[in-house]
Amino acid sequence: MEAVIHPSARIVTDELKSYPKAAKDFTGGHSTVKHSDYEYVNPEGLHTNTAESFFALLKRGVHGTFHHISRQHLFRYCDEFSFHWDERFATDTMRRDAAVKGAEGKRLMYRQPIGEP
């Protein structure tokens, strides 16, 4: 987590026992939502709903569209689904325009597929 999350970040999780150890070095602190007590927004007003919704979208894409993803290209799949997430309230035209703008200056090159044939 330290490699991709700024050290001043506040970590918000459910009550899984391994999270406090993983979040101990973040100066923003660690807040917990106790789903086992039917708590979905903690007293600080924090929740994990947005992260859970994003991962549900990613999981549906992997199982429903791609079926399998390689570890080597995981960041590309995450980028694609973060685009879907960021543009979820956009119209089809707005989403198309954002995709075209994001592709400007990039070139898709054919290379031999990774993995076994």
N, C-alpha and C. Protein backbone atom coordinates (compact mmCIF):
# COMPACT_ATOMS: atom_id res chain seq x y z
N MET A 1 0.82 -1.19 0.00
CA MET A 1 0.00 0.00 0.00
C MET A 1 0.86 1.26 0.00
N GLU A 2 1.99 1.20 0.68
CA GLU A 2 2.85 2.38 0.80
C GLU A 2 3.35 2.87 -0.55
N ALA A 3 3.48 1.97 -1.53
CA ALA A 3 4.01 2.35 -2.83
C ALA A 3 3.02 3.18 -3.65
N VAL A 4 1.72 3.05 -3.38
CA VAL A 4 0.72 3.71 -4.22
C VAL A 4 -0.20 4.67 -3.47
N ILE A 5 -0.11 4.71 -2.15
CA ILE A 5 -0.98 5.58 -1.35
C ILE A 5 -0.10 6.57 -0.59
N HIS A 6 -0.44 7.85 -0.67
CA HIS A 6 0.34 8.88 0.02
C HIS A 6 0.33 8.61 1.53
N PRO A 7 1.48 8.79 2.20
CA PRO A 7 1.57 8.47 3.64
C PRO A 7 0.63 9.29 4.52
N SER A 8 0.14 10.43 4.04
CA SER A 8 -0.77 11.24 4.86
C SER A 8 -2.23 10.84 4.69
N ALA A 9 -2.49 9.82 3.89
CA ALA A 9 -3.87 9.41 3.61
C ALA A 9 -4.54 8.82 4.85
N ARG A 10 -5.85 9.04 4.93
CA ARG A 10 -6.66 8.39 5.96
C ARG A 10 -7.18 7.10 5.32
N ILE A 11 -6.98 5.98 5.98
CA ILE A 11 -7.40 4.68 5.47
C ILE A 11 -8.74 4.33 6.12
N VAL A 12 -9.74 4.03 5.29
CA VAL A 12 -11.07 3.67 5.78
C VAL A 12 -11.36 2.26 5.31
N THR A 13 -11.63 1.35 6.25
CA THR A 13 -11.85 -0.05 5.93
C THR A 13 -13.02 -0.61 6.72
N ASP A 14 -13.36 -1.87 6.42
CA ASP A 14 -14.26 -2.57 7.31
C ASP A 14 -13.42 -3.14 8.45
N GLU A 15 -13.99 -4.03 9.22
CA GLU A 15 -13.29 -4.46 10.44
C GLU A 15 -12.40 -5.69 10.30
N LEU A 16 -11.97 -6.03 9.09
CA LEU A 16 -11.06 -7.15 8.91
C LEU A 16 -9.82 -6.95 9.77
N LYS A 17 -9.41 -7.98 10.49
CA LYS A 17 -8.35 -7.85 11.50
C LYS A 17 -6.98 -7.47 10.94
N SER A 18 -6.71 -7.74 9.66
CA SER A 18 -5.39 -7.41 9.11
C SER A 18 -5.26 -5.94 8.71
N TYR A 19 -6.36 -5.19 8.61
CA TYR A 19 -6.27 -3.80 8.16
C TYR A 19 -5.53 -2.88 9.13
N PRO A 20 -5.75 -2.95 10.44
CA PRO A 20 -5.01 -2.03 11.32
C PRO A 20 -3.49 -2.16 11.17
N LYS A 21 -2.99 -3.37 11.03
CA LYS A 21 -1.54 -3.55 10.84
C LYS A 21 -1.09 -2.94 9.52
N ALA A 22 -1.88 -3.11 8.47
CA ALA A 22 -1.51 -2.58 7.15
C ALA A 22 -1.58 -1.05 7.13
N ALA A 23 -2.45 -0.46 7.95
CA ALA A 23 -2.65 1.00 7.91
C ALA A 23 -1.86 1.74 8.97
N LYS A 24 -1.07 1.05 9.78
CA LYS A 24 -0.42 1.68 10.94
C LYS A 24 0.55 2.79 10.59
N ASP A 25 1.16 2.79 9.42
CA ASP A 25 2.17 3.79 9.07
C ASP A 25 1.60 5.03 8.38
N PHE A 26 0.30 5.09 8.19
CA PHE A 26 -0.31 6.24 7.52
C PHE A 26 -0.66 7.30 8.55
N THR A 27 -0.12 8.51 8.34
CA THR A 27 -0.31 9.57 9.32
C THR A 27 -1.74 10.11 9.35
N GLY A 28 -2.50 9.87 8.30
CA GLY A 28 -3.90 10.31 8.27
C GLY A 28 -4.79 9.49 9.18
N GLY A 29 -4.28 8.36 9.64
CA GLY A 29 -5.04 7.51 10.55
C GLY A 29 -5.81 6.42 9.84
N HIS A 30 -6.53 5.66 10.65
CA HIS A 30 -7.31 4.53 10.16
C HIS A 30 -8.68 4.58 10.80
N SER A 31 -9.72 4.58 9.98
CA SER A 31 -11.09 4.54 10.47
C SER A 31 -11.74 3.25 10.02
N THR A 32 -12.65 2.77 10.84
CA THR A 32 -13.29 1.49 10.56
C THR A 32 -14.80 1.66 10.48
N VAL A 33 -15.41 0.92 9.56
CA VAL A 33 -16.86 0.81 9.48
C VAL A 33 -17.19 -0.61 9.91
N LYS A 34 -18.07 -0.75 10.89
CA LYS A 34 -18.37 -2.07 11.48
C LYS A 34 -19.61 -2.67 10.82
N HIS A 35 -19.40 -3.33 9.69
CA HIS A 35 -20.50 -3.96 8.98
C HIS A 35 -21.17 -5.04 9.83
N SER A 36 -20.41 -5.68 10.69
CA SER A 36 -20.99 -6.74 11.53
C SER A 36 -22.03 -6.19 12.50
N ASP A 37 -21.97 -4.88 12.80
CA ASP A 37 -22.97 -4.22 13.66
C ASP A 37 -24.00 -3.47 12.81
N TYR A 38 -24.08 -3.83 11.51
CA TYR A 38 -24.99 -3.17 10.56
C TYR A 38 -24.71 -1.68 10.45
N GLU A 39 -23.44 -1.33 10.59
CA GLU A 39 -23.01 0.06 10.43
C GLU A 39 -22.44 0.19 9.02
N TYR A 40 -22.97 1.13 8.26
CA TYR A 40 -22.48 1.34 6.90
C TYR A 40 -21.87 2.72 6.72
N VAL A 41 -22.12 3.61 7.67
CA VAL A 41 -21.46 4.92 7.75
C VAL A 41 -21.07 5.06 9.21
N ASN A 42 -19.78 5.26 9.47
CA ASN A 42 -19.34 5.33 10.87
C ASN A 42 -19.66 6.70 11.48
N PRO A 43 -19.47 6.88 12.78
CA PRO A 43 -19.81 8.15 13.43
C PRO A 43 -19.07 9.37 12.84
N GLU A 44 -17.95 9.14 12.18
CA GLU A 44 -17.22 10.24 11.53
C GLU A 44 -17.83 10.60 10.17
N GLY A 45 -18.82 9.83 9.74
CA GLY A 45 -19.44 10.06 8.43
C GLY A 45 -18.70 9.38 7.29
N LEU A 46 -17.79 8.45 7.60
CA LEU A 46 -16.98 7.77 6.59
C LEU A 46 -17.60 6.42 6.25
N HIS A 47 -17.39 5.97 5.03
CA HIS A 47 -17.92 4.68 4.58
C HIS A 47 -16.99 4.07 3.54
N THR A 48 -17.24 2.81 3.23
CA THR A 48 -16.46 2.10 2.21
C THR A 48 -17.30 1.82 0.96
N ASN A 49 -18.49 2.40 0.89
CA ASN A 49 -19.42 2.09 -0.20
C ASN A 49 -18.86 2.42 -1.58
N THR A 50 -18.17 3.54 -1.73
CA THR A 50 -17.65 3.93 -3.04
C THR A 50 -16.60 2.94 -3.53
N ALA A 51 -15.69 2.56 -2.63
CA ALA A 51 -14.66 1.58 -3.01
C ALA A 51 -15.29 0.24 -3.34
N GLU A 52 -16.28 -0.17 -2.55
CA GLU A 52 -16.94 -1.45 -2.82
C GLU A 52 -17.68 -1.42 -4.16
N SER A 53 -18.28 -0.29 -4.51
CA SER A 53 -18.97 -0.17 -5.80
C SER A 53 -17.98 -0.23 -6.96
N PHE A 54 -16.84 0.45 -6.80
CA PHE A 54 -15.82 0.40 -7.86
C PHE A 54 -15.33 -1.03 -8.07
N PHE A 55 -15.02 -1.73 -6.98
CA PHE A 55 -14.51 -3.09 -7.13
C PHE A 55 -15.58 -4.03 -7.68
N ALA A 56 -16.85 -3.77 -7.39
CA ALA A 56 -17.92 -4.57 -7.98
C ALA A 56 -17.96 -4.37 -9.49
N LEU A 57 -17.77 -3.12 -9.94
CA LEU A 57 -17.72 -2.83 -11.37
C LEU A 57 -16.54 -3.54 -12.03
N LEU A 58 -15.37 -3.47 -11.40
CA LEU A 58 -14.18 -4.14 -11.92
C LEU A 58 -14.39 -5.65 -11.98
N LYS A 59 -14.94 -6.21 -10.92
CA LYS A 59 -15.16 -7.67 -10.87
C LYS A 59 -16.16 -8.11 -11.95
N ARG A 60 -17.24 -7.33 -12.14
CA ARG A 60 -18.20 -7.67 -13.20
C ARG A 60 -17.53 -7.64 -14.56
N GLY A 61 -16.65 -6.68 -14.77
CA GLY A 61 -15.95 -6.59 -16.06
C GLY A 61 -15.03 -7.77 -16.28
N VAL A 62 -14.31 -8.17 -15.25
CA VAL A 62 -13.38 -9.30 -15.38
C VAL A 62 -14.16 -10.58 -15.63
N HIS A 63 -15.17 -10.86 -14.81
CA HIS A 63 -15.90 -12.12 -14.96
C HIS A 63 -16.81 -12.12 -16.18
N GLY A 64 -17.40 -10.97 -16.50
CA GLY A 64 -18.39 -10.93 -17.57
C GLY A 64 -17.82 -10.63 -18.94
N THR A 65 -16.72 -9.92 -19.03
CA THR A 65 -16.18 -9.52 -20.33
C THR A 65 -14.86 -10.20 -20.64
N PHE A 66 -13.90 -10.07 -19.75
CA PHE A 66 -12.55 -10.54 -20.02
C PHE A 66 -12.30 -11.97 -19.58
N HIS A 67 -12.98 -12.44 -18.56
CA HIS A 67 -12.89 -13.80 -18.02
C HIS A 67 -11.57 -14.11 -17.33
N HIS A 68 -10.51 -13.51 -17.79
CA HIS A 68 -9.20 -13.71 -17.16
C HIS A 68 -8.34 -12.50 -17.47
N ILE A 69 -7.59 -12.05 -16.50
CA ILE A 69 -6.66 -10.95 -16.73
C ILE A 69 -5.29 -11.35 -16.20
N SER A 70 -4.26 -10.84 -16.87
CA SER A 70 -2.91 -11.17 -16.42
C SER A 70 -2.44 -10.14 -15.41
N ARG A 71 -1.61 -10.56 -14.50
CA ARG A 71 -1.04 -9.66 -13.50
C ARG A 71 -0.24 -8.55 -14.18
N GLN A 72 0.43 -8.89 -15.28
CA GLN A 72 1.26 -7.92 -15.99
C GLN A 72 0.44 -6.76 -16.53
N HIS A 73 -0.80 -7.00 -16.91
CA HIS A 73 -1.64 -5.96 -17.50
C HIS A 73 -2.74 -5.48 -16.56
N LEU A 74 -2.70 -5.86 -15.30
CA LEU A 74 -3.74 -5.49 -14.34
C LEU A 74 -3.94 -3.98 -14.30
N PHE A 75 -2.87 -3.21 -14.33
CA PHE A 75 -3.00 -1.75 -14.27
C PHE A 75 -3.80 -1.21 -15.44
N ARG A 76 -3.72 -1.87 -16.59
CA ARG A 76 -4.47 -1.41 -17.76
C ARG A 76 -5.97 -1.66 -17.57
N TYR A 77 -6.31 -2.81 -17.03
CA TYR A 77 -7.71 -3.09 -16.74
C TYR A 77 -8.25 -2.12 -15.70
N CYS A 78 -7.45 -1.84 -14.67
CA CYS A 78 -7.86 -0.88 -13.64
C CYS A 78 -8.05 0.51 -14.25
N ASP A 79 -7.16 0.90 -15.16
CA ASP A 79 -7.32 2.19 -15.84
C ASP A 79 -8.61 2.24 -16.64
N GLU A 80 -8.90 1.16 -17.35
CA GLU A 80 -10.14 1.13 -18.15
C GLU A 80 -11.36 1.28 -17.26
N PHE A 81 -11.39 0.54 -16.15
CA PHE A 81 -12.57 0.60 -15.30
C PHE A 81 -12.63 1.88 -14.47
N SER A 82 -11.49 2.51 -14.22
CA SER A 82 -11.57 3.81 -13.57
C SER A 82 -12.13 4.85 -14.55
N PHE A 83 -11.86 4.69 -15.85
CA PHE A 83 -12.50 5.55 -16.84
C PHE A 83 -14.01 5.34 -16.82
N HIS A 84 -14.44 4.08 -16.82
CA HIS A 84 -15.88 3.78 -16.74
C HIS A 84 -16.49 4.41 -15.50
N TRP A 85 -15.78 4.28 -14.37
CA TRP A 85 -16.29 4.81 -13.11
C TRP A 85 -16.37 6.34 -13.16
N ASP A 86 -15.31 6.97 -13.63
CA ASP A 86 -15.28 8.43 -13.67
C ASP A 86 -16.34 9.00 -14.61
N GLU A 87 -16.67 8.27 -15.66
CA GLU A 87 -17.61 8.75 -16.67
C GLU A 87 -19.01 8.14 -16.50
N ARG A 88 -19.31 7.56 -15.35
CA ARG A 88 -20.57 6.84 -15.18
C ARG A 88 -21.80 7.74 -15.28
N PHE A 89 -21.66 9.04 -15.02
CA PHE A 89 -22.80 9.95 -15.11
C PHE A 89 -22.83 10.70 -16.44
N ALA A 90 -21.88 10.46 -17.30
CA ALA A 90 -21.80 11.15 -18.59
C ALA A 90 -22.75 10.52 -19.60
N THR A 91 -23.12 11.31 -20.59
CA THR A 91 -23.90 10.77 -21.70
C THR A 91 -22.96 9.96 -22.60
N ASP A 92 -23.53 9.21 -23.52
CA ASP A 92 -22.70 8.43 -24.45
C ASP A 92 -21.80 9.35 -25.27
N THR A 93 -22.32 10.50 -25.69
CA THR A 93 -21.52 11.44 -26.48
C THR A 93 -20.36 11.99 -25.66
N MET A 94 -20.64 12.36 -24.41
CA MET A 94 -19.58 12.89 -23.55
C MET A 94 -18.51 11.82 -23.28
N ARG A 95 -18.95 10.58 -23.09
CA ARG A 95 -18.02 9.49 -22.83
C ARG A 95 -17.16 9.21 -24.06
N ARG A 96 -17.78 9.24 -25.24
CA ARG A 96 -17.02 9.06 -26.49
C ARG A 96 -15.97 10.14 -26.65
N ASP A 97 -16.37 11.39 -26.41
CA ASP A 97 -15.43 12.51 -26.55
C ASP A 97 -14.28 12.38 -25.57
N ALA A 98 -14.56 11.97 -24.35
CA ALA A 98 -13.50 11.79 -23.34
C ALA A 98 -12.55 10.67 -23.75
N ALA A 99 -13.08 9.59 -24.32
CA ALA A 99 -12.24 8.47 -24.76
C ALA A 99 -11.33 8.90 -25.91
N VAL A 100 -11.88 9.64 -26.87
CA VAL A 100 -11.08 10.10 -28.01
C VAL A 100 -10.00 11.06 -27.52
N LYS A 101 -10.36 11.98 -26.64
CA LYS A 101 -9.38 12.92 -26.11
C LYS A 101 -8.26 12.18 -25.36
N GLY A 102 -8.62 11.15 -24.61
CA GLY A 102 -7.63 10.36 -23.87
C GLY A 102 -6.71 9.55 -24.77
N ALA A 103 -7.17 9.26 -25.99
CA ALA A 103 -6.36 8.47 -26.93
C ALA A 103 -5.43 9.33 -27.78
N GLU A 104 -5.62 10.64 -27.76
CA GLU A 104 -4.78 11.52 -28.58
C GLU A 104 -3.31 11.36 -28.24
N GLY A 105 -2.48 11.23 -29.29
CA GLY A 105 -1.04 11.13 -29.09
C GLY A 105 -0.56 9.74 -28.70
N LYS A 106 -1.47 8.78 -28.64
CA LYS A 106 -1.08 7.41 -28.27
C LYS A 106 -1.23 6.54 -29.50
N ARG A 107 -0.39 5.54 -29.59
CA ARG A 107 -0.41 4.65 -30.73
C ARG A 107 -0.47 3.22 -30.24
N LEU A 108 -1.44 2.47 -30.73
CA LEU A 108 -1.58 1.07 -30.37
C LEU A 108 -0.70 0.24 -31.28
N MET A 109 0.24 -0.48 -30.71
CA MET A 109 1.19 -1.28 -31.49
C MET A 109 0.86 -2.76 -31.32
N TYR A 110 0.91 -3.50 -32.43
CA TYR A 110 0.73 -4.94 -32.35
C TYR A 110 2.01 -5.57 -31.82
N ARG A 111 1.86 -6.43 -30.86
CA ARG A 111 2.99 -7.21 -30.35
C ARG A 111 2.52 -8.64 -30.13
N GLN A 112 3.43 -9.53 -30.01
CA GLN A 112 3.08 -10.91 -29.76
C GLN A 112 2.36 -11.01 -28.41
N PRO A 113 1.25 -11.75 -28.35
CA PRO A 113 0.53 -11.88 -27.08
C PRO A 113 1.42 -12.49 -25.99
N ILE A 114 1.11 -12.13 -24.77
CA ILE A 114 1.83 -12.68 -23.61
C ILE A 114 1.12 -13.95 -23.17
N GLY A 115 1.84 -14.91 -22.73
CA GLY A 115 1.24 -16.15 -22.26
C GLY A 115 1.37 -17.25 -23.29
N GLU A 116 0.79 -18.36 -22.94
CA GLU A 116 0.89 -19.52 -23.82
C GLU A 116 -0.14 -19.43 -24.94
N PRO A 117 0.23 -19.87 -26.15
CA PRO A 117 -0.71 -19.85 -27.28
C PRO A 117 -1.83 -20.87 -27.10
